[in-house]
Protein backbone atom coordinates (compact mmCIF):
# COMPACT_ATOMS: atom_id res chain seq x y z
CA MET A 1 0.00 0.00 0.00
CA SER A 2 2.90 2.36 0.64
CA VAL A 3 4.04 1.95 -2.99
CA PHE A 4 0.62 3.15 -4.11
CA PHE A 5 0.82 6.27 -1.94
CA VAL A 6 4.35 7.09 -3.10
CA THR A 7 3.38 6.64 -6.76
CA PHE A 8 0.20 8.66 -6.32
CA SER A 9 2.15 11.45 -4.62
CA ILE A 10 4.67 11.56 -7.47
CA PHE A 11 1.86 11.80 -10.01
CA LEU A 12 0.25 14.63 -8.04
CA LEU A 13 3.56 16.50 -7.89
CA VAL A 14 4.08 16.14 -11.65
CA ILE A 15 0.52 17.26 -12.46
CA GLY A 16 0.82 20.16 -10.02
CA GLY A 17 4.14 21.20 -11.56
CA MET A 18 2.63 21.12 -15.04
CA ALA A 19 -0.32 23.22 -13.86
CA ILE A 20 1.95 25.79 -12.25
CA GLY A 21 4.09 25.94 -15.40
CA TYR A 22 1.02 26.50 -17.53
CA ILE A 23 -0.24 29.28 -15.26
CA VAL A 24 3.15 31.02 -15.14
CA GLN A 25 3.82 30.89 -18.90
CA ARG A 26 0.28 31.96 -19.90
CA LYS A 27 0.63 30.21 -23.24
CA THR A 28 -2.29 28.77 -25.14
CA ILE A 29 -2.61 25.03 -25.29
CA SER A 30 -1.76 23.70 -28.74
CA GLY A 31 -1.14 20.36 -30.32
CA SER A 32 2.37 19.09 -30.83
CA CYS A 33 2.02 18.78 -34.61
CA GLY A 34 0.72 22.32 -35.16
CA GLY A 35 -2.67 21.31 -36.52
CA LEU A 36 -3.63 20.66 -40.12
CA GLY A 37 -1.86 23.74 -41.54
CA PRO A 38 1.48 21.98 -42.20
CA LEU A 39 -0.39 19.41 -44.26
CA GLY A 40 -1.85 22.09 -46.52
CA ILE A 41 -5.39 21.67 -45.19
CA GLU A 42 -6.93 25.03 -44.37
CA ARG A 43 -10.38 23.82 -43.31
CA ILE A 44 -11.45 20.77 -41.38
CA CYS A 45 -13.47 19.30 -44.23
CA ASN A 46 -11.03 20.43 -46.97
CA CYS A 47 -13.95 20.67 -49.40
CA PRO A 48 -13.55 22.86 -52.48
CA GLU A 49 -16.94 24.45 -51.77
CA PRO A 50 -18.53 24.63 -48.29
CA CYS A 51 -22.02 23.19 -47.82
CA ASP A 52 -25.11 25.44 -47.65
CA ALA A 53 -25.44 25.10 -43.88
CA ARG A 54 -21.85 26.26 -43.40
CA LYS A 55 -22.35 29.20 -45.78
CA LYS A 56 -25.41 30.28 -43.77
CA ARG A 57 -23.49 29.93 -40.49
CA GLU A 58 -20.56 31.97 -41.82
CA ALA A 59 -22.90 34.66 -43.20
CA ARG A 60 -24.73 34.87 -39.87
CA ALA A 61 -21.41 35.19 -38.01
CA ALA A 62 -20.23 37.90 -40.42
CA ARG A 63 -23.46 39.86 -39.92
CA ALA A 64 -23.14 39.57 -36.14
CA GLU A 65 -19.53 40.75 -36.28
CA GLU A 66 -20.48 43.67 -38.52
CA TRP A 67 -23.31 44.60 -36.15
CA LYS A 68 -20.91 44.51 -33.19
CA ARG A 69 -18.44 46.70 -35.06
CA ASN A 70 -21.17 49.23 -35.87
CA GLN A 71 -22.35 49.31 -32.25
CA ILE A 72 -18.85 50.17 -31.02
CA LEU A 73 -18.49 53.07 -33.44
């Protein structure tokens, strides 16, 4: 049972150290490979033409962003 407590304590120390390092550096969490950009894929689906639902979603987001920009000015 003492081996379990020692191992558990070591894991807690490592996780705590990682958490403190993350808080101190204030860096965003990112994947180790850098995402799909290095592979030449700009979008998740990599479709030549987005579907209608995505076009509507993007248009709605653009309108909302434009509205926000106009409210600030």
